[in-house]
């Protein structure tokens, strides 16, 4: 995909998170992520205390910002970009523990947001299921296997974030496979993992 499409989507992401609603959502999401990392799954009452919101409004207020929080069968909050659900394919090391991301961008970005000196990331190629592994550092990506791995990017507006963005932002074993995904969904763009890390750094710097 032409580089200008990658740049366009990167700029759209920055515009989303620097808009008034985006700033509010980022602050609220960061509070929930902090709670998840410190305490584990959160009841809406616990999340409400962190946010200063009535517990009955927590889930609805996030939904109103097109960011439906992840919950478990008991109604506890288990994810807000960073997830505690071990069924997700994207993993990262945060605070010495394995945690999960809703998408490829999450596992590239959150180690930078949380200033991890290095974070082992594992995922899989969305086309073949083959493993993709790497280490995220403040200076770039190391130990990428396969070295040809790529990421798809998507617009992040128009509906719930997982529907429009996270479920379409994946690792691929190589750029050719990522470009095949773009052919099937022309709203996407494809780029090497190193370029995706640059976008993740740009987003992390907004926190």
Protein backbone atom coordinates (compact mmCIF):
# COMPACT_ATOMS: atom_id res chain seq x y z
CA UNK A 1 0.00 0.00 0.00
CA UNK A 2 1.37 3.46 -0.79
CA UNK A 3 3.13 5.12 2.11
CA UNK A 4 0.78 8.11 1.95
CA UNK A 5 -2.12 5.86 3.01
CA UNK A 6 -0.12 4.68 6.03
CA UNK A 7 0.64 8.31 6.90
CA UNK A 8 -3.01 9.26 6.43
CA UNK A 9 -4.17 6.58 8.87
CA UNK A 10 -1.44 7.55 11.34
CA UNK A 11 -2.60 11.17 11.18
CA UNK A 12 -6.22 10.08 11.63
CA UNK A 13 -5.26 8.17 14.78
CA UNK A 14 -3.51 11.20 16.23
CA UNK A 15 -6.49 13.40 15.35
CA UNK A 16 -8.86 10.96 17.06
CA UNK A 17 -6.89 10.87 20.31
CA UNK A 18 -6.22 14.62 20.42
CA UNK A 19 -9.87 15.60 19.84
CA UNK A 20 -11.82 16.65 22.97
CA UNK A 21 -13.59 13.28 23.12
CA UNK A 22 -10.31 11.49 22.47
CA UNK A 23 -8.54 13.30 25.31
CA UNK A 24 -11.38 12.40 27.67
CA UNK A 25 -11.36 8.79 26.50
CA UNK A 26 -7.59 8.50 26.78
CA UNK A 27 -7.63 9.72 30.38
CA UNK A 28 -10.50 7.42 31.33
CA UNK A 29 -8.96 4.45 29.52
CA UNK A 30 -5.61 5.03 31.19
CA UNK A 31 -7.29 4.95 34.61
CA UNK A 32 -8.97 1.63 33.82
CA UNK A 33 -5.75 0.14 32.40
CA UNK A 34 -3.90 1.18 35.53
CA UNK A 35 -6.54 -0.49 37.66
CA UNK A 36 -6.44 -3.68 35.63
CA UNK A 37 -2.66 -3.91 35.88
CA UNK A 38 -2.64 -3.22 39.61
CA UNK A 39 -5.73 -5.07 40.78
CA UNK A 40 -6.86 -7.46 38.03
CA UNK A 41 -10.51 -7.56 36.88
CA UNK A 42 -12.51 -4.56 38.08
CA UNK A 43 -16.11 -4.33 39.16
CA UNK A 44 -17.96 -1.30 37.85
CA UNK A 45 -17.92 0.03 41.41
CA UNK A 46 -14.12 -0.24 41.54
CA UNK A 47 -13.79 1.36 38.10
CA UNK A 48 -16.21 4.09 39.13
CA UNK A 49 -14.04 4.94 42.12
CA UNK A 50 -10.97 5.19 39.88
CA UNK A 51 -12.80 7.41 37.42
CA UNK A 52 -14.94 9.44 39.80
CA UNK A 53 -18.03 8.25 37.93
CA UNK A 54 -21.22 6.60 39.25
CA UNK A 55 -20.73 2.83 38.85
CA UNK A 56 -23.89 2.47 36.80
CA UNK A 57 -22.56 4.89 34.19
CA UNK A 58 -19.11 3.36 33.61
CA UNK A 59 -19.88 0.93 30.80
CA UNK A 60 -22.39 3.23 29.11
CA UNK A 61 -20.05 6.24 29.13
CA UNK A 62 -17.31 4.23 27.46
CA UNK A 63 -19.80 2.88 24.90
CA UNK A 64 -20.93 6.43 24.15
CA UNK A 65 -17.30 7.18 23.20
CA UNK A 66 -17.23 4.15 20.85
CA UNK A 67 -14.97 2.23 23.23
CA UNK A 68 -16.89 -0.68 24.74
CA UNK A 69 -14.92 -2.09 27.65
CA UNK A 70 -14.26 -5.83 27.71
CA UNK A 71 -16.11 -7.70 30.46
CA UNK A 72 -16.17 -11.27 31.71
CA UNK A 73 -19.09 -13.55 32.53
CA UNK A 74 -19.40 -11.95 35.96
CA UNK A 75 -19.68 -8.44 34.53
CA UNK A 76 -16.22 -7.42 35.69
CA UNK A 77 -14.11 -5.21 33.42
CA UNK A 78 -11.20 -7.20 31.96
CA UNK A 79 -9.97 -5.07 29.09
CA UNK A 80 -9.49 -1.54 27.80
CA UNK A 81 -6.92 -2.05 25.05
CA UNK A 82 -4.80 -3.92 27.60
CA UNK A 83 -6.69 -7.14 28.28
CA UNK A 84 -6.58 -9.89 30.90
CA UNK A 85 -8.23 -12.40 28.51
CA UNK A 86 -5.68 -15.11 27.71
CA UNK A 87 -7.68 -16.22 24.67
CA UNK A 88 -6.44 -13.21 22.72
CA UNK A 89 -3.58 -13.92 20.30
CA UNK A 90 -1.58 -10.73 20.96
CA UNK A 91 0.54 -10.92 24.13
CA UNK A 92 3.03 -8.54 25.76
CA UNK A 93 5.00 -8.34 28.99
CA UNK A 94 3.93 -5.49 31.27
CA UNK A 95 5.20 -5.06 34.81
CA UNK A 96 6.81 -8.49 34.56
CA UNK A 97 3.54 -10.23 33.71
CA UNK A 98 2.00 -11.49 30.48
CA UNK A 99 -0.90 -9.33 29.39
CA UNK A 100 -2.89 -9.19 26.17
CA UNK A 101 -3.87 -6.63 23.56
CA UNK A 102 -6.96 -6.14 21.47
CA UNK A 103 -4.79 -5.72 18.35
CA UNK A 104 -1.27 -5.53 16.99
CA UNK A 105 -1.07 -1.80 17.71
CA UNK A 106 -1.90 -2.34 21.38
CA UNK A 107 1.05 -4.67 21.96
CA UNK A 108 3.37 -2.25 20.15
CA UNK A 109 2.05 0.83 21.97
CA UNK A 110 1.32 -0.09 25.59
CA UNK A 111 4.90 -1.15 26.44
CA UNK A 112 5.93 2.34 25.29
CA UNK A 113 3.14 4.05 27.22
CA UNK A 114 4.17 2.18 30.38
CA UNK A 115 7.89 2.83 29.73
CA UNK A 116 8.91 -0.82 29.69
CA UNK A 117 12.65 -1.11 28.93
CA UNK A 118 11.77 -4.15 26.83
CA UNK A 119 8.61 -6.16 26.31
CA UNK A 120 8.43 -9.60 24.70
CA UNK A 121 5.53 -9.67 22.25
CA UNK A 122 4.01 -12.75 20.68
CA UNK A 123 1.23 -12.98 18.14
CA UNK A 124 0.39 -14.87 14.99
CA UNK A 125 -0.01 -14.21 11.29
CA UNK A 126 -3.69 -13.48 10.68
CA UNK A 127 -3.48 -15.28 7.33
CA UNK A 128 -1.47 -18.41 8.13
CA UNK A 129 -1.49 -18.69 11.92
CA UNK A 130 2.32 -18.82 11.96
CA UNK A 131 3.95 -17.29 15.07
CA UNK A 132 5.18 -13.70 15.02
CA UNK A 133 7.53 -12.70 17.86
CA UNK A 134 9.42 -9.52 18.66
CA UNK A 135 10.72 -7.34 21.47
CA UNK A 136 9.37 -3.80 21.85
CA UNK A 137 11.83 -1.27 23.27
CA UNK A 138 11.77 2.54 23.60
CA UNK A 139 14.19 2.68 20.65
CA UNK A 140 12.44 0.31 18.25
CA UNK A 141 11.68 -3.32 17.58
CA UNK A 142 14.27 -6.07 18.16
CA UNK A 143 14.37 -9.81 17.54
CA UNK A 144 11.58 -9.77 14.97
CA UNK A 145 10.69 -13.25 13.68
CA UNK A 146 9.98 -13.51 10.84
CA UNK A 147 12.01 -10.46 9.84
CA UNK A 148 9.52 -9.88 7.00
CA UNK A 149 6.53 -9.44 9.35
CA UNK A 150 4.06 -6.65 8.63
CA UNK A 151 1.00 -5.01 10.19
CA UNK A 152 -2.32 -3.84 8.80
CA UNK A 153 -3.71 -0.47 9.86
CA UNK A 154 -7.34 0.66 9.81
CA UNK A 155 -9.44 3.78 10.36
CA UNK A 156 -10.43 4.19 14.00
CA UNK A 157 -13.72 6.07 13.70
CA UNK A 158 -17.30 5.32 12.74
CA UNK A 159 -18.27 2.67 15.31
CA UNK A 160 -16.90 0.84 18.34
CA UNK A 161 -13.09 0.84 18.34
CA UNK A 162 -12.80 -2.94 18.26
CA UNK A 163 -15.12 -3.22 15.27
CA UNK A 164 -13.55 -0.52 13.12
CA UNK A 165 -9.92 -0.73 14.26
CA UNK A 166 -8.77 -3.51 16.57
CA UNK A 167 -10.34 -6.44 14.74
CA UNK A 168 -8.62 -5.30 11.52
CA UNK A 169 -5.15 -4.42 12.89
CA UNK A 170 -3.14 -7.63 12.77
CA UNK A 171 0.32 -9.04 12.27
CA UNK A 172 1.16 -10.88 9.04
CA UNK A 173 4.15 -13.02 8.22
CA UNK A 174 5.13 -10.73 5.36
CA UNK A 175 4.06 -7.60 3.55
CA UNK A 176 2.61 -9.58 0.67
CA UNK A 177 0.11 -11.31 2.95
CA UNK A 178 -0.78 -8.00 4.58
CA UNK A 179 -1.35 -6.46 1.16
CA UNK A 180 -3.71 -9.31 0.26
CA UNK A 181 -5.76 -8.29 3.32
CA UNK A 182 -5.77 -4.72 2.00
CA UNK A 183 -7.04 -5.93 -1.36
CA UNK A 184 -9.98 -7.51 0.45
CA UNK A 185 -10.58 -4.40 2.59
CA UNK A 186 -9.42 -1.24 0.78
CA UNK A 187 -9.87 0.91 3.90
CA UNK A 188 -6.77 -0.77 5.33
CA UNK A 189 -3.09 -0.08 4.76
CA UNK A 190 -0.10 -2.35 5.23
CA UNK A 191 3.36 -1.53 6.53
CA UNK A 192 6.43 -3.24 8.00
CA UNK A 193 6.45 -3.77 11.75
CA UNK A 194 9.14 -1.09 12.14
CA UNK A 195 6.78 1.50 10.61
CA UNK A 196 3.94 0.32 12.86
CA UNK A 197 6.26 0.80 15.87
CA UNK A 198 6.86 4.40 14.72
CA UNK A 199 3.12 4.99 14.73
CA UNK A 200 2.86 3.33 18.15
CA UNK A 201 5.57 5.66 19.45
CA UNK A 202 3.67 8.63 18.07
CA UNK A 203 0.50 7.52 19.88
CA UNK A 204 2.30 6.62 23.11
CA UNK A 205 3.74 10.12 23.27
CA UNK A 206 0.18 11.46 23.56
CA UNK A 207 -0.33 9.77 26.95
